[in-house]
Amino acid sequence: MLNQDNDNIGYLCGRLYYVLESCDGISEGYMVEEASTRPVHGFPSLINRSQRALAKNKSKDKLVTEIIGKIDATTAFPENLSMLDQGQFWFGYFAQRTDLGKE
């Protein structure tokens, strides 16, 4: 079940990755590896690549904006996620996937 109050950076990155993946069809394995372990190296290009798809899907664009709004702007995307945060990434990813599947 999606936890909207979970502000763990790994959880938020997992949620964000799923939304971007679902609107842009990102399927390269290296992208999820970068996003789930070294977010600062994965997310800027993922977000840039997804802009057209997000412009066509206002509900997912709004969701991306909400998730990014929960990320501390002073630290933004971290260089590395700890093993605990990598686990949270996958919890966030699958929770978001389940939640969007209900729509």
PDB file of N, CA and C in Angstrom:
ATOM      1  N   MET A   1       0.840  -1.176   0.000  1.00  0.00           N
ATOM      2  CA  MET A   1       0.000   0.000   0.000  1.00  0.00           C
ATOM      3  C   MET A   1       0.888   1.244   0.000  1.00  0.00           C
ATOM      4  N   LEU A   2       0.537   2.199  -0.822  1.00  0.00           N
ATOM      5  CA  LEU A   2       1.300   3.429  -0.947  1.00  0.00           C
ATOM      6  C   LEU A   2       1.222   4.238   0.341  1.00  0.00           C
ATOM      7  N   ASN A   3       2.374   4.678   0.825  1.00  0.00           N
ATOM      8  CA  ASN A   3       2.447   5.512   2.021  1.00  0.00           C
ATOM      9  C   ASN A   3       2.838   6.922   1.596  1.00  0.00           C
ATOM     10  N   GLN A   4       1.856   7.794   1.460  1.00  0.00           N
ATOM     11  CA  GLN A   4       2.091   9.171   1.015  1.00  0.00           C
ATOM     12  C   GLN A   4       2.910   9.981   2.016  1.00  0.00           C
ATOM     13  N   ASP A   5       2.985   9.498   3.259  1.00  0.00           N
ATOM     14  CA  ASP A   5       3.723  10.219   4.296  1.00  0.00           C
ATOM     15  C   ASP A   5       5.171   9.762   4.423  1.00  0.00           C
ATOM     16  N   ASN A   6       5.586   8.749   3.668  1.00  0.00           N
ATOM     17  CA  ASN A   6       6.951   8.253   3.739  1.00  0.00           C
ATOM     18  C   ASN A   6       7.849   9.201   2.949  1.00  0.00           C
ATOM     19  N   ASP A   7       8.680   9.945   3.670  1.00  0.00           N
ATOM     20  CA  ASP A   7       9.575  10.909   3.036  1.00  0.00           C
ATOM     21  C   ASP A   7      11.008  10.396   2.902  1.00  0.00           C
ATOM     22  N   ASN A   8      11.208   9.096   3.089  1.00  0.00           N
ATOM     23  CA  ASN A   8      12.531   8.507   2.907  1.00  0.00           C
ATOM     24  C   ASN A   8      12.962   8.733   1.460  1.00  0.00           C
ATOM     25  N   ILE A   9      14.174   9.205   1.265  1.00  0.00           N
ATOM     26  CA  ILE A   9      14.639   9.536  -0.085  1.00  0.00           C
ATOM     27  C   ILE A   9      14.625   8.326  -1.006  1.00  0.00           C
ATOM     28  N   GLY A  10      14.950   7.155  -0.497  1.00  0.00           N
ATOM     29  CA  GLY A  10      14.903   5.952  -1.322  1.00  0.00           C
ATOM     30  C   GLY A  10      13.479   5.652  -1.763  1.00  0.00           C
ATOM     31  N   TYR A  11      12.536   5.745  -0.833  1.00  0.00           N
ATOM     32  CA  TYR A  11      11.122   5.490  -1.134  1.00  0.00           C
ATOM     33  C   TYR A  11      10.613   6.480  -2.185  1.00  0.00           C
ATOM     34  N   LEU A  12      10.955   7.751  -2.004  1.00  0.00           N
ATOM     35  CA  LEU A  12      10.517   8.766  -2.970  1.00  0.00           C
ATOM     36  C   LEU A  12      11.137   8.531  -4.340  1.00  0.00           C
ATOM     37  N   CYS A  13      12.402   8.149  -4.371  1.00  0.00           N
ATOM     38  CA  CYS A  13      13.060   7.860  -5.656  1.00  0.00           C
ATOM     39  C   CYS A  13      12.407   6.663  -6.340  1.00  0.00           C
ATOM     40  N   GLY A  14      12.041   5.651  -5.577  1.00  0.00           N
ATOM     41  CA  GLY A  14      11.355   4.500  -6.156  1.00  0.00           C
ATOM     42  C   GLY A  14      10.011   4.880  -6.752  1.00  0.00           C
ATOM     43  N   ARG A  15       9.260   5.682  -6.010  1.00  0.00           N
ATOM     44  CA  ARG A  15       7.964   6.148  -6.520  1.00  0.00           C
ATOM     45  C   ARG A  15       8.166   6.950  -7.807  1.00  0.00           C
ATOM     46  N   LEU A  16       9.117   7.865  -7.766  1.00  0.00           N
ATOM     47  CA  LEU A  16       9.377   8.724  -8.915  1.00  0.00           C
ATOM     48  C   LEU A  16       9.815   7.899 -10.125  1.00  0.00           C
ATOM     49  N   TYR A  17      10.701   6.935  -9.898  1.00  0.00           N
ATOM     50  CA  TYR A  17      11.161   6.112 -11.005  1.00  0.00           C
ATOM     51  C   TYR A  17       9.988   5.388 -11.664  1.00  0.00           C
ATOM     52  N   TYR A  18       9.096   4.837 -10.851  1.00  0.00           N
ATOM     53  CA  TYR A  18       7.974   4.112 -11.445  1.00  0.00           C
ATOM     54  C   TYR A  18       7.098   5.041 -12.284  1.00  0.00           C
ATOM     55  N   VAL A  19       6.807   6.229 -11.795  1.00  0.00           N
ATOM     56  CA  VAL A  19       5.958   7.140 -12.548  1.00  0.00           C
ATOM     57  C   VAL A  19       6.629   7.511 -13.870  1.00  0.00           C
ATOM     58  N   LEU A  20       7.918   7.815 -13.825  1.00  0.00           N
ATOM     59  CA  LEU A  20       8.634   8.156 -15.058  1.00  0.00           C
ATOM     60  C   LEU A  20       8.670   6.967 -16.015  1.00  0.00           C
ATOM     61  N   GLU A  21       8.912   5.788 -15.474  1.00  0.00           N
ATOM     62  CA  GLU A  21       8.948   4.570 -16.284  1.00  0.00           C
ATOM     63  C   GLU A  21       7.589   4.320 -16.935  1.00  0.00           C
ATOM     64  N   SER A  22       6.527   4.532 -16.196  1.00  0.00           N
ATOM     65  CA  SER A  22       5.194   4.217 -16.710  1.00  0.00           C
ATOM     66  C   SER A  22       4.729   5.191 -17.787  1.00  0.00           C
ATOM     67  N   CYS A  23       5.252   6.395 -17.794  1.00  0.00           N
ATOM     68  CA  CYS A  23       4.802   7.330 -18.827  1.00  0.00           C
ATOM     69  C   CYS A  23       5.761   7.397 -20.000  1.00  0.00           C
ATOM     70  N   ASP A  24       6.995   6.971 -19.801  1.00  0.00           N
ATOM     71  CA  ASP A  24       7.981   7.104 -20.862  1.00  0.00           C
ATOM     72  C   ASP A  24       8.457   5.756 -21.396  1.00  0.00           C
ATOM     73  N   GLY A  25       8.104   4.677 -20.742  1.00  0.00           N
ATOM     74  CA  GLY A  25       8.524   3.366 -21.203  1.00  0.00           C
ATOM     75  C   GLY A  25      10.001   3.099 -21.019  1.00  0.00           C
ATOM     76  N   ILE A  26      10.627   3.749 -20.049  1.00  0.00           N
ATOM     77  CA  ILE A  26      12.040   3.526 -19.766  1.00  0.00           C
ATOM     78  C   ILE A  26      12.208   2.069 -19.365  1.00  0.00           C
ATOM     79  N   SER A  27      13.067   1.369 -20.054  1.00  0.00           N
ATOM     80  CA  SER A  27      13.222  -0.042 -19.712  1.00  0.00           C
ATOM     81  C   SER A  27      14.682  -0.480 -19.634  1.00  0.00           C
ATOM     82  N   GLU A  28      15.608   0.430 -19.859  1.00  0.00           N
ATOM     83  CA  GLU A  28      17.016   0.053 -19.803  1.00  0.00           C
ATOM     84  C   GLU A  28      17.389  -0.316 -18.376  1.00  0.00           C
ATOM     85  N   GLY A  29      17.973  -1.482 -18.198  1.00  0.00           N
ATOM     86  CA  GLY A  29      18.337  -1.959 -16.872  1.00  0.00           C
ATOM     87  C   GLY A  29      19.318  -1.052 -16.154  1.00  0.00           C
ATOM     88  N   TYR A  30      20.248  -0.445 -16.911  1.00  0.00           N
ATOM     89  CA  TYR A  30      21.231   0.410 -16.260  1.00  0.00           C
ATOM     90  C   TYR A  30      20.588   1.648 -15.654  1.00  0.00           C
ATOM     91  N   MET A  31      19.458   2.091 -16.230  1.00  0.00           N
ATOM     92  CA  MET A  31      18.796   3.283 -15.691  1.00  0.00           C
ATOM     93  C   MET A  31      18.212   3.010 -14.311  1.00  0.00           C
ATOM     94  N   VAL A  32      17.583   1.864 -14.127  1.00  0.00           N
ATOM     95  CA  VAL A  32      17.034   1.560 -12.802  1.00  0.00           C
ATOM     96  C   VAL A  32      18.172   1.320 -11.817  1.00  0.00           C
ATOM     97  N   GLU A  33      19.267   0.747 -12.280  1.00  0.00           N
ATOM     98  CA  GLU A  33      20.400   0.554 -11.379  1.00  0.00           C
ATOM     99  C   GLU A  33      20.962   1.897 -10.927  1.00  0.00           C
ATOM    100  N   GLU A  34      21.131   2.820 -11.849  1.00  0.00           N
ATOM    101  CA  GLU A  34      21.611   4.158 -11.490  1.00  0.00           C
ATOM    102  C   GLU A  34      20.636   4.847 -10.548  1.00  0.00           C
ATOM    103  N   ALA A  35      19.356   4.803 -10.879  1.00  0.00           N
ATOM    104  CA  ALA A  35      18.344   5.491 -10.069  1.00  0.00           C
ATOM    105  C   ALA A  35      18.243   4.905  -8.673  1.00  0.00           C
ATOM    106  N   SER A  36      18.392   3.582  -8.558  1.00  0.00           N
ATOM    107  CA  SER A  36      18.210   2.935  -7.258  1.00  0.00           C
ATOM    108  C   SER A  36      19.468   2.923  -6.404  1.00  0.00           C
ATOM    109  N   THR A  37      20.616   3.221  -6.984  1.00  0.00           N
ATOM    110  CA  THR A  37      21.852   3.223  -6.197  1.00  0.00           C
ATOM    111  C   THR A  37      22.534   4.587  -6.183  1.00  0.00           C
ATOM    112  N   ARG A  38      22.496   5.295  -7.311  1.00  0.00           N
ATOM    113  CA  ARG A  38      23.158   6.601  -7.437  1.00  0.00           C
ATOM    114  C   ARG A  38      22.200   7.600  -8.088  1.00  0.00           C
ATOM    115  N   PRO A  39      21.197   8.027  -7.334  1.00  0.00           N
ATOM    116  CA  PRO A  39      20.135   8.861  -7.905  1.00  0.00           C
ATOM    117  C   PRO A  39      20.613  10.123  -8.623  1.00  0.00           C
ATOM    118  N   VAL A  40      21.648  10.754  -8.129  1.00  0.00           N
ATOM    119  CA  VAL A  40      22.105  11.986  -8.760  1.00  0.00           C
ATOM    120  C   VAL A  40      22.585  11.744 -10.193  1.00  0.00           C
ATOM    121  N   HIS A  41      22.999  10.523 -10.486  1.00  0.00           N
ATOM    122  CA  HIS A  41      23.464  10.197 -11.834  1.00  0.00           C
ATOM    123  C   HIS A  41      22.337   9.707 -12.742  1.00  0.00           C
ATOM    124  N   GLY A  42      21.254   9.232 -12.157  1.00  0.00           N
ATOM    125  CA  GLY A  42      20.169   8.687 -12.968  1.00  0.00           C
ATOM    126  C   GLY A  42      19.008   9.631 -13.220  1.00  0.00           C
ATOM    127  N   PHE A  43      18.581  10.344 -12.188  1.00  0.00           N
ATOM    128  CA  PHE A  43      17.333  11.091 -12.318  1.00  0.00           C
ATOM    129  C   PHE A  43      17.367  12.328 -13.211  1.00  0.00           C
ATOM    130  N   PRO A  44      18.412  13.117 -13.235  1.00  0.00           N
ATOM    131  CA  PRO A  44      18.364  14.275 -14.133  1.00  0.00           C
ATOM    132  C   PRO A  44      18.073  13.900 -15.591  1.00  0.00           C
ATOM    133  N   SER A  45      18.750  12.872 -16.095  1.00  0.00           N
ATOM    134  CA  SER A  45      18.491  12.492 -17.495  1.00  0.00           C
ATOM    135  C   SER A  45      17.127  11.832 -17.652  1.00  0.00           C
ATOM    136  N   LEU A  46      16.685  11.060 -16.649  1.00  0.00           N
ATOM    137  CA  LEU A  46      15.347  10.458 -16.719  1.00  0.00           C
ATOM    138  C   LEU A  46      14.265  11.529 -16.782  1.00  0.00           C
ATOM    139  N   ILE A  47      14.398  12.527 -15.954  1.00  0.00           N
ATOM    140  CA  ILE A  47      13.405  13.603 -15.929  1.00  0.00           C
ATOM    141  C   ILE A  47      13.432  14.376 -17.240  1.00  0.00           C
ATOM    142  N   ASN A  48      14.630  14.671 -17.742  1.00  0.00           N
ATOM    143  CA  ASN A  48      14.732  15.372 -19.035  1.00  0.00           C
ATOM    144  C   ASN A  48      14.089  14.562 -20.154  1.00  0.00           C
ATOM    145  N   ARG A  49      14.373  13.259 -20.195  1.00  0.00           N
ATOM    146  CA  ARG A  49      13.821  12.392 -21.245  1.00  0.00           C
ATOM    147  C   ARG A  49      12.310  12.276 -21.163  1.00  0.00           C
ATOM    148  N   SER A  50      11.759  12.468 -19.989  1.00  0.00           N
ATOM    149  CA  SER A  50      10.321  12.246 -19.774  1.00  0.00           C
ATOM    150  C   SER A  50       9.466  13.486 -19.996  1.00  0.00           C
ATOM    151  N   GLN A  51      10.068  14.617 -20.280  1.00  0.00           N
ATOM    152  CA  GLN A  51       9.303  15.863 -20.357  1.00  0.00           C
ATOM    153  C   GLN A  51       8.175  15.831 -21.388  1.00  0.00           C
ATOM    154  N   ARG A  52       8.422  15.300 -22.565  1.00  0.00           N
ATOM    155  CA  ARG A  52       7.363  15.237 -23.584  1.00  0.00           C
ATOM    156  C   ARG A  52       6.212  14.355 -23.134  1.00  0.00           C
ATOM    157  N   ALA A  53       6.551  13.188 -22.599  1.00  0.00           N
ATOM    158  CA  ALA A  53       5.515  12.258 -22.150  1.00  0.00           C
ATOM    159  C   ALA A  53       4.725  12.854 -20.993  1.00  0.00           C
ATOM    160  N   LEU A  54       5.396  13.556 -20.095  1.00  0.00           N
ATOM    161  CA  LEU A  54       4.696  14.183 -18.970  1.00  0.00           C
ATOM    162  C   LEU A  54       3.787  15.307 -19.446  1.00  0.00           C
ATOM    163  N   ALA A  55       4.216  16.028 -20.464  1.00  0.00           N
ATOM    164  CA  ALA A  55       3.386  17.116 -20.996  1.00  0.00           C
ATOM    165  C   ALA A  55       2.078  16.578 -21.575  1.00  0.00           C
ATOM    166  N   LYS A  56       2.094  15.347 -22.026  1.00  0.00           N
ATOM    167  CA  LYS A  56       0.893  14.733 -22.589  1.00  0.00           C
ATOM    168  C   LYS A  56       0.038  14.041 -21.536  1.00  0.00           C
ATOM    169  N   ASN A  57       0.578  13.857 -20.348  1.00  0.00           N
ATOM    170  CA  ASN A  57      -0.145  13.147 -19.300  1.00  0.00           C
ATOM    171  C   ASN A  57      -0.137  14.001 -18.034  1.00  0.00           C
ATOM    172  N   LYS A  58      -1.124  14.860 -17.918  1.00  0.00           N
ATOM    173  CA  LYS A  58      -1.173  15.837 -16.828  1.00  0.00           C
ATOM    174  C   LYS A  58      -1.245  15.190 -15.444  1.00  0.00           C
ATOM    175  N   SER A  59      -1.933  14.052 -15.320  1.00  0.00           N
ATOM    176  CA  SER A  59      -2.042  13.428 -13.995  1.00  0.00           C
ATOM    177  C   SER A  59      -0.687  12.898 -13.526  1.00  0.00           C
ATOM    178  N   LYS A  60       0.092  12.331 -14.441  1.00  0.00           N
ATOM    179  CA  LYS A  60       1.412  11.842 -14.058  1.00  0.00           C
ATOM    180  C   LYS A  60       2.386  13.003 -13.860  1.00  0.00           C
ATOM    181  N   ASP A  61       2.232  14.063 -14.640  1.00  0.00           N
ATOM    182  CA  ASP A  61       3.051  15.254 -14.445  1.00  0.00           C
ATOM    183  C   ASP A  61       2.807  15.834 -13.053  1.00  0.00           C
ATOM    184  N   LYS A  62       1.549  15.867 -12.643  1.00  0.00           N
ATOM    185  CA  LYS A  62       1.199  16.365 -11.311  1.00  0.00           C
ATOM    186  C   LYS A  62       1.805  15.470 -10.238  1.00  0.00           C
ATOM    187  N   LEU A  63       1.756  14.171 -10.440  1.00  0.00           N
ATOM    188  CA  LEU A  63       2.312  13.221  -9.476  1.00  0.00           C
ATOM    189  C   LEU A  63       3.826  13.378  -9.368  1.00  0.00           C
ATOM    190  N   VAL A  64       4.508  13.534 -10.488  1.00  0.00           N
ATOM    191  CA  VAL A  64       5.956  13.758 -10.478  1.00  0.00           C
ATOM    192  C   VAL A  64       6.266  15.030  -9.686  1.00  0.00           C
ATOM    193  N   THR A  65       5.499  16.087  -9.933  1.00  0.00           N
ATOM    194  CA  THR A  65       5.696  17.350  -9.227  1.00  0.00           C
ATOM    195  C   THR A  65       5.494  17.173  -7.723  1.00  0.00           C
ATOM    196  N   GLU A  66       4.481  16.419  -7.336  1.00  0.00           N
ATOM    197  CA  GLU A  66       4.221  16.171  -5.911  1.00  0.00           C
ATOM    198  C   GLU A  66       5.366  15.398  -5.273  1.00  0.00           C
ATOM    199  N   ILE A  67       5.841  14.359  -5.940  1.00  0.00           N
ATOM    200  CA  ILE A  67       6.927  13.540  -5.380  1.00  0.00           C
ATOM    201  C   ILE A  67       8.199  14.369  -5.268  1.00  0.00           C
ATOM    202  N   ILE A  68       8.558  15.075  -6.323  1.00  0.00           N
ATOM    203  CA  ILE A  68       9.767  15.906  -6.289  1.00  0.00           C
ATOM    204  C   ILE A  68       9.645  16.981  -5.212  1.00  0.00           C
ATOM    205  N   GLY A  69       8.445  17.488  -5.003  1.00  0.00           N
ATOM    206  CA  GLY A  69       8.226  18.490  -3.964  1.00  0.00           C
ATOM    207  C   GLY A  69       8.511  17.985  -2.565  1.00  0.00           C
ATOM    208  N   LYS A  70       8.510  16.681  -2.365  1.00  0.00           N
ATOM    209  CA  LYS A  70       8.797  16.094  -1.055  1.00  0.00           C
ATOM    210  C   LYS A  70      10.297  15.891  -0.836  1.00  0.00           C
ATOM    211  N   ILE A  71      11.074  16.026  -1.896  1.00  0.00           N
ATOM    212  CA  ILE A  71      12.522  15.837  -1.784  1.00  0.00           C
ATOM    213  C   ILE A  71      13.142  17.147  -1.320  1.00  0.00           C
ATOM    214  N   ASP A  72      13.977  17.067  -0.303  1.00  0.00           N
ATOM    215  CA  ASP A  72      14.628  18.241   0.266  1.00  0.00           C
ATOM    216  C   ASP A  72      15.461  18.932  -0.814  1.00  0.00           C
ATOM    217  N   ALA A  73      15.112  20.160  -1.131  1.00  0.00           N
ATOM    218  CA  ALA A  73      15.775  20.888  -2.213  1.00  0.00           C
ATOM    219  C   ALA A  73      17.241  21.174  -1.912  1.00  0.00           C
ATOM    220  N   THR A  74      17.620  21.215  -0.643  1.00  0.00           N
ATOM    221  CA  THR A  74      19.021  21.503  -0.321  1.00  0.00           C
ATOM    222  C   THR A  74      19.922  20.306  -0.579  1.00  0.00           C
ATOM    223  N   THR A  75      19.365  19.104  -0.493  1.00  0.00           N
ATOM    224  CA  THR A  75      20.186  17.924  -0.760  1.00  0.00           C
ATOM    225  C   THR A  75      19.859  17.301  -2.114  1.00  0.00           C
ATOM    226  N   ALA A  76      18.664  17.552  -2.613  1.00  0.00           N
ATOM    227  CA  ALA A  76      18.204  17.028  -3.911  1.00  0.00           C
ATOM    228  C   ALA A  76      18.444  15.523  -4.002  1.00  0.00           C
ATOM    229  N   PHE A  77      18.877  15.061  -5.145  1.00  0.00           N
ATOM    230  CA  PHE A  77      19.139  13.635  -5.327  1.00  0.00           C
ATOM    231  C   PHE A  77      20.523  13.316  -4.769  1.00  0.00           C
ATOM    232  N   PRO A  78      20.606  12.327  -3.873  1.00  0.00           N
ATOM    233  CA  PRO A  78      21.902  12.007  -3.272  1.00  0.00           C
ATOM    234  C   PRO A  78      22.843  11.302  -4.242  1.00  0.00           C
ATOM    235  N   GLU A  79      24.117  11.409  -3.930  1.00  0.00           N
ATOM    236  CA  GLU A  79      25.149  10.725  -4.712  1.00  0.00           C
ATOM    237  C   GLU A  79      24.933   9.214  -4.668  1.00  0.00           C
ATOM    238  N   ASN A  80      24.683   8.685  -3.474  1.00  0.00           N
ATOM    239  CA  ASN A  80      24.490   7.244  -3.283  1.00  0.00           C
ATOM    240  C   ASN A  80      23.348   6.995  -2.311  1.00  0.00           C
ATOM    241  N   LEU A  81      22.664   5.865  -2.480  1.00  0.00           N
ATOM    242  CA  LEU A  81      21.678   5.420  -1.507  1.00  0.00           C
ATOM    243  C   LEU A  81      22.296   4.292  -0.681  1.00  0.00           C
ATOM    244  N   SER A  82      22.067   4.338   0.628  1.00  0.00           N
ATOM    245  CA  SER A  82      22.521   3.249   1.493  1.00  0.00           C
ATOM    246  C   SER A  82      21.741   1.988   1.125  1.00  0.00           C
ATOM    247  N   MET A  83      22.172   0.866   1.642  1.00  0.00           N
ATOM    248  CA  MET A  83      21.452  -0.387   1.382  1.00  0.00           C
ATOM    249  C   MET A  83      20.022  -0.294   1.916  1.00  0.00           C
ATOM    250  N   LEU A  84      19.848   0.339   3.072  1.00  0.00           N
ATOM    251  CA  LEU A  84      18.507   0.519   3.632  1.00  0.00           C
ATOM    252  C   LEU A  84      17.646   1.363   2.688  1.00  0.00           C
ATOM    253  N   ASP A  85      18.213   2.450   2.179  1.00  0.00           N
ATOM    254  CA  ASP A  85      17.469   3.301   1.259  1.00  0.00           C
ATOM    255  C   ASP A  85      17.214   2.620  -0.081  1.00  0.00           C
ATOM    256  N   GLN A  86      18.129   1.739  -0.509  1.00  0.00           N
ATOM    257  CA  GLN A  86      17.885   0.971  -1.730  1.00  0.00           C
ATOM    258  C   GLN A  86      16.693   0.042  -1.533  1.00  0.00           C
ATOM    259  N   GLY A  87      16.576  -0.533  -0.354  1.00  0.00           N
ATOM    260  CA  GLY A  87      15.399  -1.346  -0.045  1.00  0.00           C
ATOM    261  C   GLY A  87      14.139  -0.502  -0.070  1.00  0.00           C
ATOM    262  N   GLN A  88      14.218   0.705   0.480  1.00  0.00           N
ATOM    263  CA  GLN A  88      13.075   1.617   0.464  1.00  0.00           C
ATOM    264  C   GLN A  88      12.705   2.001  -0.976  1.00  0.00           C
ATOM    265  N   PHE A  89      13.712   2.112  -1.839  1.00  0.00           N
ATOM    266  CA  PHE A  89      13.457   2.409  -3.254  1.00  0.00           C
ATOM    267  C   PHE A  89      12.471   1.389  -3.818  1.00  0.00           C
ATOM    268  N   TRP A  90      12.749   0.113  -3.568  1.00  0.00           N
ATOM    269  CA  TRP A  90      11.894  -0.935  -4.139  1.00  0.00           C
ATOM    270  C   TRP A  90      10.519  -0.966  -3.490  1.00  0.00           C
ATOM    271  N   PHE A  91      10.441  -0.651  -2.197  1.00  0.00           N
ATOM    272  CA  PHE A  91       9.119  -0.543  -1.566  1.00  0.00           C
ATOM    273  C   PHE A  91       8.324   0.581  -2.225  1.00  0.00           C
ATOM    274  N   GLY A  92       8.967   1.718  -2.448  1.00  0.00           N
ATOM    275  CA  GLY A  92       8.294   2.842  -3.093  1.00  0.00           C
ATOM    276  C   GLY A  92       7.893   2.530  -4.525  1.00  0.00           C
ATOM    277  N   TYR A  93       8.781   1.859  -5.250  1.00  0.00           N
ATOM    278  CA  TYR A  93       8.517   1.496  -6.642  1.00  0.00           C
ATOM    279  C   TYR A  93       7.265   0.620  -6.742  1.00  0.00           C
ATOM    280  N   PHE A  94       7.237  -0.451  -5.963  1.00  0.00           N
ATOM    281  CA  PHE A  94       6.109  -1.381  -6.066  1.00  0.00           C
ATOM    282  C   PHE A  94       4.831  -0.820  -5.463  1.00  0.00           C
ATOM    283  N   ALA A  95       4.952   0.008  -4.430  1.00  0.00           N
ATOM    284  CA  ALA A  95       3.754   0.644  -3.864  1.00  0.00           C
ATOM    285  C   ALA A  95       3.135   1.595  -4.885  1.00  0.00           C
ATOM    286  N   GLN A  96       3.989   2.367  -5.582  1.00  0.00           N
ATOM    287  CA  GLN A  96       3.469   3.290  -6.593  1.00  0.00           C
ATOM    288  C   GLN A  96       2.878   2.527  -7.764  1.00  0.00           C
ATOM    289  N   ARG A  97       3.511   1.440  -8.154  1.00  0.00           N
ATOM    290  CA  ARG A  97       3.000   0.613  -9.253  1.00  0.00           C
ATOM    291  C   ARG A  97       1.627   0.052  -8.905  1.00  0.00           C
ATOM    292  N   THR A  98       1.477  -0.430  -7.700  1.00  0.00           N
ATOM    293  CA  THR A  98       0.185  -0.962  -7.251  1.00  0.00           C
ATOM    294  C   THR A  98      -0.861   0.137  -7.218  1.00  0.00           C
ATOM    295  N   ASP A  99      -0.477   1.308  -6.707  1.00  0.00           N
ATOM    296  CA  ASP A  99      -1.437   2.413  -6.593  1.00  0.00           C
ATOM    297  C   ASP A  99      -1.882   2.899  -7.973  1.00  0.00           C
ATOM    298  N   LEU A 100      -0.970   3.058  -8.905  1.00  0.00           N
ATOM    299  CA  LEU A 100      -1.344   3.517 -10.249  1.00  0.00           C
ATOM    300  C   LEU A 100      -2.141   2.458 -10.997  1.00  0.00           C
ATOM    301  N   GLY A 101      -1.928   1.205 -10.658  1.00  0.00           N
ATOM    302  CA  GLY A 101      -2.682   0.125 -11.292  1.00  0.00           C
ATOM    303  C   GLY A 101      -4.157   0.130 -10.916  1.00  0.00           C
ATOM    304  N   LYS A 102      -4.491   0.815  -9.830  1.00  0.00           N
ATOM    305  CA  LYS A 102      -5.875   0.903  -9.379  1.00  0.00           C
ATOM    306  C   LYS A 102      -6.674   1.919 -10.176  1.00  0.00           C
ATOM    307  N   GLU A 103      -5.981   2.811 -10.873  1.00  0.00           N
ATOM    308  CA  GLU A 103      -6.681   3.881 -11.606  1.00  0.00           C
ATOM    309  C   GLU A 103      -7.354   3.363 -12.851  1.00  0.00           C
TER     310      GLU A 103
END
